[in-house]
Protein backbone atom coordinates (compact mmCIF):
# COMPACT_ATOMS: atom_id res chain seq x y z
CA MET A 1 74.01 31.31 -172.66
CA LEU A 2 76.26 28.26 -172.89
CA PRO A 3 78.34 27.73 -176.02
CA ASP A 4 77.23 24.91 -178.30
CA SER A 5 79.33 21.83 -178.90
CA ASP A 6 80.69 23.11 -182.24
CA VAL A 7 82.14 26.18 -180.53
CA ILE A 8 83.68 24.07 -177.76
CA ARG A 9 85.05 21.58 -180.29
CA THR A 10 86.66 24.39 -182.32
CA GLU A 11 88.19 25.97 -179.21
CA LEU A 12 89.64 22.64 -178.09
CA LEU A 13 91.17 22.01 -181.51
CA GLU A 14 92.60 25.55 -181.59
CA ALA A 15 94.06 24.95 -178.12
CA GLY A 16 96.04 22.03 -179.56
CA PHE A 17 93.98 18.98 -178.64
CA GLU A 18 93.97 16.18 -181.21
CA SER A 19 90.78 15.73 -183.20
CA CYS A 20 90.45 12.07 -182.23
CA GLU A 21 90.72 12.94 -178.51
CA VAL A 22 88.13 15.71 -178.82
CA ASN A 23 85.78 13.32 -180.61
CA LYS A 24 86.29 10.68 -177.91
CA ALA A 25 85.47 13.24 -175.23
CA PHE A 26 82.24 14.27 -176.94
CA ASP A 27 81.28 10.62 -177.53
CA TRP A 28 81.86 9.92 -173.83
CA LEU A 29 79.69 12.87 -172.79
CA ASP A 30 76.96 11.75 -175.18
CA SER A 31 77.06 8.25 -173.70
CA LEU A 32 76.72 9.68 -170.19
CA SER A 33 73.68 11.71 -171.17
CA LEU A 34 72.09 8.64 -172.77
CA GLN A 35 72.68 6.68 -169.56
CA ARG A 36 71.20 9.55 -167.58
CA ALA A 37 74.44 9.65 -165.59
CA ILE A 38 74.41 13.43 -165.89
CA LYS A 39 71.39 14.82 -164.12
CA PRO A 40 70.76 18.52 -163.89
CA THR A 41 70.35 19.47 -160.28
CA VAL A 42 68.65 22.45 -158.81
CA THR A 43 69.21 22.67 -155.13
CA PRO A 44 67.23 25.06 -153.04
CA ALA A 45 69.50 27.82 -151.87
CA PHE A 46 69.07 31.14 -150.21
CA ARG A 47 71.07 34.31 -149.92
CA ILE A 48 72.14 35.69 -146.57
CA PHE A 49 73.40 39.26 -146.59
CA CYS A 50 76.14 40.07 -144.10
CA THR A 51 75.88 42.99 -141.71
CA GLN A 52 78.03 45.23 -143.93
CA GLU A 53 75.83 44.52 -146.96
CA ILE A 54 72.66 45.26 -145.02
CA ALA A 55 74.16 48.55 -143.86
CA LYS A 56 75.02 49.58 -147.43
CA LEU A 57 72.12 48.07 -149.42
CA ASP A 58 68.51 48.97 -148.75
CA LEU A 59 65.74 46.36 -148.98
CA GLU A 60 64.84 47.25 -152.57
CA CYS A 61 68.45 46.80 -153.65
CA ARG A 62 68.78 43.47 -151.85
CA ASN A 63 65.54 42.28 -153.45
CA LEU A 64 66.87 43.22 -156.89
CA ILE A 65 70.09 41.28 -156.25
CA MET A 66 68.11 38.22 -155.16
CA PHE A 67 65.86 38.53 -158.23
CA LEU A 68 68.86 38.72 -160.57
CA GLU A 69 70.50 35.74 -158.92
CA GLN A 70 67.33 33.68 -159.39
CA MET A 71 67.13 34.70 -163.06
CA ALA A 72 70.62 33.29 -163.62
CA PHE A 73 69.25 29.77 -163.10
């Protein structure tokens, strides 16, 4: 799960960034999302196991890995 903006804001302030700069950054990100400049992308991808992986991992194990990778998105 991604941290919410309050957590990120607090971490930036604790790291030493000025409050006005942090606010400007969040305002800028908000403006980008309103302009639809930030578009989530999901590109089709596939997993290719190398020869060494195939030798060590049986089909059931490889299927589990692929399933877990898909769940991450």
